[in-house]
Each structure stands twice: as C-alpha cells, then as structure tokens.
C-alpha cells in the first residue's frame, strides 16, 4: 500500500493576483498581527482562510477585489469605541483594509489585543486550522 502523492499547495482565494496593492496590505497585516500578539500562530482554517490563533482562533483575513477583510471571530464581544467593525452576523465582525496605511487606524491594535485575550469562547467549527509554514 503506497502513500498518496502530495498535491501542490493551491494559491488561496484570499490572495488574488489582480490587485498587487492588496498583496502588500495582507503582508503588512500579517506583520502587524505578529508584532501585536507575540507568540501567536498563523494557521489555515477548513475553508483555506489564513487564521491567527493565540491559542484559539481570534482573527483572519481574506483579500477581495478592492480590500482585505480583516475579520474577528468574536467581534460582537469586542468593545469598539472608534466604530471600526462592520458586519451583521451573530459573532463575526470585520474591518476593511484598502491600503497599508489603514493598519494605522486608531484602536485597531486594541481590537486585535482584545480579540486575542478573549477567554471562555469555544472556537466555531472549522475555524482553527493547521499550522501554516513560512
């Protein structure tokens, strides 16, 4: 019985080639989260979406056509005095990032820290992932 050959990694839908500026935004976002939450790990969830965990999933990102969606798994539980968060779902809220400068929005760092510190929330099914290499 032989092992199945590994399939090459597919480029995720969150990193479209048609807008190189968004690739820069996503790269800067990853760096921003790493600096804000030392020791967090980056994974890919069941739907192929990059997710940040510390130790549980707390935020994710996806690139669309015109912006990077920076989502918070339990965004409805976060204080948002600057009203950065958008969305109407039961738990998830997001911030739209169009440029690298959008990462400098007042209170974005506090949202990330608060999301990483949430305790007692069970991760939603499929949200945590495997460790992302690189």
N, C-alpha and C. Protein backbone atom coordinates (compact mmCIF):
# COMPACT_ATOMS: atom_id res chain seq x y z
N UNK A 1 0.84 -1.17 0.00
CA UNK A 1 0.00 0.00 0.00
C UNK A 1 0.89 1.23 0.00
N UNK A 2 0.78 2.07 -1.00
CA UNK A 2 1.64 3.24 -1.08
C UNK A 2 0.87 4.50 -0.66
N UNK A 3 1.63 5.48 -0.18
CA UNK A 3 1.02 6.75 0.24
C UNK A 3 0.62 7.56 -0.98
N UNK A 4 -0.41 8.33 -0.84
CA UNK A 4 -0.84 9.22 -1.92
C UNK A 4 0.19 10.32 -2.13
N UNK A 5 0.45 10.67 -3.38
CA UNK A 5 1.39 11.78 -3.59
C UNK A 5 0.77 13.07 -3.09
N UNK A 6 1.62 13.96 -2.56
CA UNK A 6 1.13 15.25 -2.05
C UNK A 6 0.74 16.15 -3.19
N UNK A 7 -0.37 16.84 -3.01
CA UNK A 7 -0.80 17.81 -4.00
C UNK A 7 -0.07 19.12 -3.71
N UNK A 8 0.31 19.84 -4.76
CA UNK A 8 0.95 21.13 -4.51
C UNK A 8 -0.05 22.08 -3.84
N UNK A 9 0.49 22.95 -2.99
CA UNK A 9 -0.37 23.92 -2.31
C UNK A 9 -1.01 24.83 -3.33
N UNK A 10 -2.31 25.06 -3.16
CA UNK A 10 -3.03 25.94 -4.07
C UNK A 10 -2.94 27.36 -3.54
N UNK A 11 -2.93 28.31 -4.44
CA UNK A 11 -2.98 29.70 -4.05
C UNK A 11 -4.39 29.96 -3.56
N UNK A 12 -4.52 30.47 -2.34
CA UNK A 12 -5.84 30.69 -1.75
C UNK A 12 -6.57 31.85 -2.40
N UNK A 13 -7.89 31.83 -2.31
CA UNK A 13 -8.69 32.91 -2.89
C UNK A 13 -8.49 34.24 -2.20
N UNK A 14 -7.86 34.23 -1.03
CA UNK A 14 -7.62 35.46 -0.28
C UNK A 14 -6.45 36.26 -0.84
N UNK A 15 -5.70 35.72 -1.79
CA UNK A 15 -4.56 36.43 -2.36
C UNK A 15 -4.69 36.46 -3.87
N UNK A 16 -5.53 37.34 -4.35
CA UNK A 16 -5.77 37.47 -5.79
C UNK A 16 -4.60 38.17 -6.46
N UNK A 17 -4.32 37.79 -7.70
CA UNK A 17 -3.22 38.39 -8.44
C UNK A 17 -3.62 39.70 -9.13
N UNK A 18 -4.91 39.99 -9.21
CA UNK A 18 -5.33 41.15 -9.98
C UNK A 18 -5.19 42.48 -9.23
N UNK A 19 -4.78 42.47 -7.97
CA UNK A 19 -4.56 43.70 -7.24
C UNK A 19 -3.32 43.56 -6.35
N UNK A 20 -2.13 43.90 -6.90
CA UNK A 20 -0.89 43.73 -6.14
C UNK A 20 -0.85 44.56 -4.86
N UNK A 21 -1.55 45.69 -4.81
CA UNK A 21 -1.58 46.50 -3.59
C UNK A 21 -2.18 45.71 -2.44
N UNK A 22 -3.18 44.89 -2.73
CA UNK A 22 -3.79 44.10 -1.66
C UNK A 22 -2.84 43.04 -1.13
N UNK A 23 -1.95 42.55 -1.98
CA UNK A 23 -0.93 41.61 -1.52
C UNK A 23 -0.04 42.30 -0.48
N UNK A 24 0.30 43.58 -0.73
CA UNK A 24 1.10 44.35 0.22
C UNK A 24 0.33 44.58 1.52
N UNK A 25 -0.97 44.85 1.41
CA UNK A 25 -1.81 45.05 2.59
C UNK A 25 -1.83 43.77 3.42
N UNK A 26 -2.03 42.63 2.79
CA UNK A 26 -2.07 41.35 3.50
C UNK A 26 -0.73 41.05 4.17
N UNK A 27 0.35 41.31 3.49
CA UNK A 27 1.69 41.08 4.05
C UNK A 27 1.90 41.97 5.29
N UNK A 28 1.52 43.25 5.17
CA UNK A 28 1.66 44.18 6.29
C UNK A 28 0.74 43.78 7.45
N UNK A 29 -0.45 43.28 7.12
CA UNK A 29 -1.39 42.84 8.16
C UNK A 29 -0.80 41.68 8.95
N UNK A 30 -0.23 40.72 8.27
CA UNK A 30 0.39 39.58 8.95
C UNK A 30 1.48 40.06 9.91
N UNK A 31 2.30 40.98 9.46
CA UNK A 31 3.37 41.53 10.29
C UNK A 31 2.78 42.29 11.48
N UNK A 32 1.73 43.06 11.24
CA UNK A 32 1.05 43.84 12.27
C UNK A 32 0.52 42.91 13.38
N UNK A 33 -0.12 41.82 13.00
CA UNK A 33 -0.68 40.89 13.99
C UNK A 33 0.45 40.20 14.75
N UNK A 34 1.51 39.80 14.04
CA UNK A 34 2.67 39.16 14.71
C UNK A 34 3.27 40.07 15.76
N UNK A 35 3.42 41.36 15.44
CA UNK A 35 4.01 42.32 16.40
C UNK A 35 3.05 42.62 17.54
N UNK A 36 1.77 42.62 17.26
CA UNK A 36 0.77 42.97 18.28
C UNK A 36 0.55 41.82 19.26
N UNK A 37 0.60 40.59 18.77
CA UNK A 37 0.34 39.40 19.61
C UNK A 37 1.53 38.45 19.49
N UNK A 38 2.62 38.75 20.22
CA UNK A 38 3.78 37.85 20.15
C UNK A 38 3.41 36.42 20.55
N UNK A 39 3.94 35.46 19.83
CA UNK A 39 3.69 34.06 20.15
C UNK A 39 2.45 33.48 19.49
N UNK A 40 1.67 34.31 18.79
CA UNK A 40 0.51 33.76 18.09
C UNK A 40 1.00 32.86 16.97
N UNK A 41 0.12 32.01 16.49
CA UNK A 41 0.50 31.19 15.34
C UNK A 41 -0.48 31.45 14.21
N UNK A 42 0.00 31.34 12.99
CA UNK A 42 -0.83 31.51 11.82
C UNK A 42 -1.15 30.14 11.27
N UNK A 43 -2.44 29.92 11.03
CA UNK A 43 -2.90 28.64 10.51
C UNK A 43 -3.79 28.91 9.29
N UNK A 44 -4.25 27.84 8.69
CA UNK A 44 -5.21 27.94 7.59
C UNK A 44 -6.42 27.11 8.02
N UNK A 45 -7.60 27.73 8.05
CA UNK A 45 -8.77 27.00 8.55
C UNK A 45 -9.33 26.04 7.50
N UNK A 46 -10.43 25.41 7.82
CA UNK A 46 -11.02 24.38 6.96
C UNK A 46 -11.43 24.91 5.58
N UNK A 47 -11.62 26.21 5.44
CA UNK A 47 -12.01 26.81 4.17
C UNK A 47 -10.84 27.45 3.44
N UNK A 48 -9.60 27.22 3.93
CA UNK A 48 -8.42 27.77 3.28
C UNK A 48 -8.17 29.23 3.59
N UNK A 49 -8.70 29.73 4.68
CA UNK A 49 -8.56 31.13 5.05
C UNK A 49 -7.49 31.27 6.13
N UNK A 50 -6.50 32.16 5.91
CA UNK A 50 -5.47 32.38 6.93
C UNK A 50 -6.11 32.88 8.23
N UNK A 51 -5.73 32.22 9.32
CA UNK A 51 -6.31 32.48 10.63
C UNK A 51 -5.20 32.63 11.65
N UNK A 52 -5.39 33.55 12.60
CA UNK A 52 -4.42 33.76 13.67
C UNK A 52 -4.98 33.17 14.95
N UNK A 53 -4.12 32.43 15.69
CA UNK A 53 -4.53 31.76 16.91
C UNK A 53 -3.59 32.10 18.05
N UNK A 54 -4.17 32.28 19.29
CA UNK A 54 -3.35 32.59 20.45
C UNK A 54 -4.04 32.20 21.75
N UNK A 55 -4.25 31.00 22.15
CA UNK A 55 -4.06 29.77 21.41
C UNK A 55 -5.26 29.44 20.52
N UNK A 56 -6.43 30.05 20.79
CA UNK A 56 -7.61 29.79 19.97
C UNK A 56 -7.69 30.79 18.82
N UNK A 57 -8.42 30.47 17.76
CA UNK A 57 -8.58 31.40 16.64
C UNK A 57 -9.23 32.70 17.13
N UNK A 58 -8.64 33.84 16.72
CA UNK A 58 -9.22 35.11 17.13
C UNK A 58 -9.44 36.07 15.96
N UNK A 59 -8.69 35.93 14.88
CA UNK A 59 -8.95 36.77 13.71
C UNK A 59 -8.43 36.08 12.44
N UNK A 60 -8.81 36.63 11.29
CA UNK A 60 -8.47 36.05 9.99
C UNK A 60 -8.44 37.15 8.96
N UNK A 61 -7.99 36.81 7.75
CA UNK A 61 -8.05 37.79 6.66
C UNK A 61 -8.34 37.10 5.34
N UNK A 62 -8.97 37.87 4.45
CA UNK A 62 -9.25 37.42 3.08
C UNK A 62 -9.15 38.65 2.18
N UNK A 63 -8.56 38.48 1.02
CA UNK A 63 -8.50 39.59 0.07
C UNK A 63 -9.60 39.45 -0.95
N UNK A 64 -10.31 40.53 -1.15
CA UNK A 64 -11.34 40.58 -2.18
C UNK A 64 -10.80 41.34 -3.38
N UNK A 65 -11.68 41.91 -4.13
CA UNK A 65 -11.28 42.65 -5.32
C UNK A 65 -10.74 44.03 -4.97
N UNK A 66 -11.32 44.68 -3.95
CA UNK A 66 -10.97 46.06 -3.63
C UNK A 66 -10.45 46.28 -2.21
N UNK A 67 -10.47 45.26 -1.37
CA UNK A 67 -10.00 45.43 0.00
C UNK A 67 -9.66 44.06 0.61
N UNK A 68 -8.92 44.12 1.72
CA UNK A 68 -8.65 42.93 2.53
C UNK A 68 -9.63 42.98 3.69
N UNK A 69 -10.36 41.90 3.87
CA UNK A 69 -11.27 41.79 5.00
C UNK A 69 -10.47 41.23 6.17
N UNK A 70 -10.39 42.01 7.24
CA UNK A 70 -9.70 41.60 8.46
C UNK A 70 -10.80 41.28 9.47
N UNK A 71 -11.06 39.99 9.66
CA UNK A 71 -12.20 39.56 10.46
C UNK A 71 -11.83 39.12 11.86
N UNK A 72 -12.78 39.28 12.76
CA UNK A 72 -12.64 38.88 14.16
C UNK A 72 -13.72 37.86 14.47
N UNK A 73 -13.29 36.66 14.87
CA UNK A 73 -14.22 35.56 15.11
C UNK A 73 -15.32 35.91 16.10
N UNK A 74 -14.99 36.62 17.15
CA UNK A 74 -15.98 37.01 18.16
C UNK A 74 -16.05 38.53 18.24
N UNK A 75 -16.15 39.15 17.09
CA UNK A 75 -16.18 40.60 17.00
C UNK A 75 -17.33 41.24 17.77
N UNK A 76 -18.44 40.53 17.92
CA UNK A 76 -19.57 41.09 18.66
C UNK A 76 -19.26 41.21 20.15
N UNK A 77 -18.21 40.54 20.62
CA UNK A 77 -17.83 40.59 22.03
C UNK A 77 -16.78 41.67 22.31
N UNK A 78 -16.35 42.38 21.27
CA UNK A 78 -15.29 43.38 21.43
C UNK A 78 -15.87 44.78 21.61
N UNK A 79 -15.23 45.57 22.47
CA UNK A 79 -15.56 46.98 22.59
C UNK A 79 -14.94 47.68 21.39
N UNK A 80 -15.69 48.53 20.75
CA UNK A 80 -15.24 49.19 19.52
C UNK A 80 -15.59 50.69 19.57
N UNK A 81 -14.87 51.44 20.42
CA UNK A 81 -15.21 52.86 20.60
C UNK A 81 -15.04 53.71 19.34
N UNK A 82 -14.22 53.28 18.41
CA UNK A 82 -14.00 54.04 17.18
C UNK A 82 -14.90 53.57 16.04
N UNK A 83 -15.74 52.58 16.30
CA UNK A 83 -16.68 52.03 15.31
C UNK A 83 -15.98 51.57 14.03
N UNK A 84 -14.89 50.82 14.21
CA UNK A 84 -14.17 50.27 13.06
C UNK A 84 -14.84 49.02 12.51
N UNK A 85 -15.50 48.26 13.38
CA UNK A 85 -16.04 46.96 12.99
C UNK A 85 -17.32 47.09 12.18
N UNK A 86 -17.43 46.25 11.16
CA UNK A 86 -18.61 46.18 10.30
C UNK A 86 -19.15 44.76 10.34
N UNK A 87 -20.39 44.60 9.93
CA UNK A 87 -20.99 43.28 9.81
C UNK A 87 -22.25 43.15 10.63
N UNK A 88 -23.02 42.12 10.29
CA UNK A 88 -24.30 41.90 10.95
C UNK A 88 -24.48 40.47 11.42
N UNK A 89 -23.45 39.65 11.32
CA UNK A 89 -23.57 38.25 11.71
C UNK A 89 -23.69 38.07 13.21
N UNK A 90 -23.91 36.85 13.62
CA UNK A 90 -24.11 36.52 15.02
C UNK A 90 -22.85 36.72 15.86
N UNK A 91 -21.66 36.47 15.29
CA UNK A 91 -20.40 36.57 16.03
C UNK A 91 -19.35 37.42 15.31
N UNK A 92 -19.18 37.18 14.04
CA UNK A 92 -18.06 37.75 13.29
C UNK A 92 -18.31 39.22 12.94
N UNK A 93 -17.23 40.02 13.08
CA UNK A 93 -17.21 41.40 12.61
C UNK A 93 -15.89 41.58 11.86
N UNK A 94 -15.81 42.59 11.01
CA UNK A 94 -14.60 42.78 10.21
C UNK A 94 -14.30 44.26 10.01
N UNK A 95 -13.06 44.51 9.59
CA UNK A 95 -12.60 45.84 9.21
C UNK A 95 -12.11 45.70 7.77
N UNK A 96 -12.47 46.63 6.91
CA UNK A 96 -11.99 46.61 5.52
C UNK A 96 -10.71 47.42 5.43
N UNK A 97 -9.66 46.78 4.90
CA UNK A 97 -8.36 47.44 4.73
C UNK A 97 -8.09 47.60 3.24
N UNK A 98 -7.96 48.83 2.79
CA UNK A 98 -7.72 49.11 1.37
C UNK A 98 -6.28 49.46 1.08
N UNK A 99 -5.58 50.00 2.09
CA UNK A 99 -4.17 50.37 1.94
C UNK A 99 -3.42 49.96 3.19
N UNK A 100 -2.10 49.93 3.11
CA UNK A 100 -1.27 49.61 4.27
C UNK A 100 -1.51 50.65 5.37
N UNK A 101 -1.75 51.90 4.99
CA UNK A 101 -1.99 52.97 5.96
C UNK A 101 -3.23 52.70 6.81
N UNK A 102 -4.18 51.90 6.32
CA UNK A 102 -5.38 51.58 7.10
C UNK A 102 -5.05 50.82 8.37
N UNK A 103 -3.87 50.20 8.42
CA UNK A 103 -3.45 49.47 9.63
C UNK A 103 -3.13 50.44 10.77
N UNK A 104 -3.01 51.71 10.47
CA UNK A 104 -2.70 52.72 11.48
C UNK A 104 -3.95 53.33 12.10
N UNK A 105 -5.12 52.80 11.77
CA UNK A 105 -6.37 53.32 12.32
C UNK A 105 -6.33 53.26 13.84
N UNK A 106 -6.80 54.33 14.44
CA UNK A 106 -6.84 54.40 15.89
C UNK A 106 -7.66 53.23 16.43
N UNK A 107 -7.16 52.58 17.41
CA UNK A 107 -7.78 51.47 18.15
C UNK A 107 -7.77 50.11 17.45
N UNK A 108 -7.20 50.00 16.25
CA UNK A 108 -7.13 48.68 15.60
C UNK A 108 -6.26 47.72 16.42
N UNK A 109 -5.14 48.22 16.92
CA UNK A 109 -4.25 47.39 17.75
C UNK A 109 -5.00 46.89 18.98
N UNK A 110 -5.80 47.76 19.60
CA UNK A 110 -6.54 47.37 20.80
C UNK A 110 -7.58 46.30 20.48
N UNK A 111 -8.21 46.39 19.29
CA UNK A 111 -9.16 45.35 18.88
C UNK A 111 -8.46 44.00 18.76
N UNK A 112 -7.28 43.99 18.15
CA UNK A 112 -6.53 42.74 17.97
C UNK A 112 -6.15 42.16 19.33
N UNK A 113 -5.63 43.01 20.22
CA UNK A 113 -5.25 42.52 21.55
C UNK A 113 -6.46 41.98 22.31
N UNK A 114 -7.56 42.70 22.27
CA UNK A 114 -8.77 42.26 22.97
C UNK A 114 -9.27 40.94 22.41
N UNK A 115 -9.23 40.79 21.09
CA UNK A 115 -9.68 39.54 20.46
C UNK A 115 -8.80 38.37 20.88
N UNK A 116 -7.50 38.58 20.93
CA UNK A 116 -6.57 37.51 21.32
C UNK A 116 -6.74 37.11 22.78
N UNK A 117 -7.21 38.03 23.61
CA UNK A 117 -7.36 37.77 25.05
C UNK A 117 -8.70 37.15 25.43
N UNK A 118 -9.65 37.09 24.50
CA UNK A 118 -10.97 36.54 24.84
C UNK A 118 -10.83 35.11 25.35
N UNK A 119 -11.41 34.85 26.49
CA UNK A 119 -11.36 33.52 27.09
C UNK A 119 -12.78 33.00 27.27
N UNK A 120 -12.90 31.70 27.28
CA UNK A 120 -14.19 31.08 27.53
C UNK A 120 -15.08 30.99 26.30
N UNK A 121 -14.57 31.35 25.15
CA UNK A 121 -15.35 31.25 23.92
C UNK A 121 -14.88 30.01 23.17
N UNK A 122 -15.80 29.13 22.86
CA UNK A 122 -15.47 27.92 22.11
C UNK A 122 -15.27 28.30 20.65
N UNK A 123 -14.11 27.93 20.05
CA UNK A 123 -13.91 28.24 18.63
C UNK A 123 -15.01 27.63 17.77
N UNK A 124 -15.47 28.40 16.82
CA UNK A 124 -16.50 27.91 15.91
C UNK A 124 -15.95 26.76 15.07
N UNK A 125 -16.79 25.81 14.74
CA UNK A 125 -16.37 24.64 13.98
C UNK A 125 -15.70 25.04 12.67
N UNK A 126 -14.52 24.47 12.42
CA UNK A 126 -13.79 24.72 11.19
C UNK A 126 -12.91 25.95 11.21
N UNK A 127 -12.97 26.76 12.27
CA UNK A 127 -12.22 28.00 12.30
C UNK A 127 -10.75 27.82 12.62
N UNK A 128 -10.41 26.83 13.45
CA UNK A 128 -8.98 26.63 13.70
C UNK A 128 -8.41 25.77 12.59
N UNK A 129 -7.12 25.85 12.43
CA UNK A 129 -6.53 25.16 11.30
C UNK A 129 -5.22 24.49 11.62
N UNK A 130 -4.54 24.15 10.58
CA UNK A 130 -3.23 23.55 10.73
C UNK A 130 -2.20 24.67 10.66
N UNK A 131 -1.05 24.42 11.19
CA UNK A 131 -0.01 25.45 11.22
C UNK A 131 0.42 25.77 9.79
N UNK A 132 0.51 27.06 9.49
CA UNK A 132 0.93 27.50 8.16
C UNK A 132 2.44 27.63 8.16
N UNK A 133 3.08 27.07 7.16
CA UNK A 133 4.54 27.16 7.09
C UNK A 133 4.92 28.47 6.41
N UNK A 134 6.04 29.04 6.88
CA UNK A 134 6.57 30.24 6.26
C UNK A 134 5.99 31.44 6.71
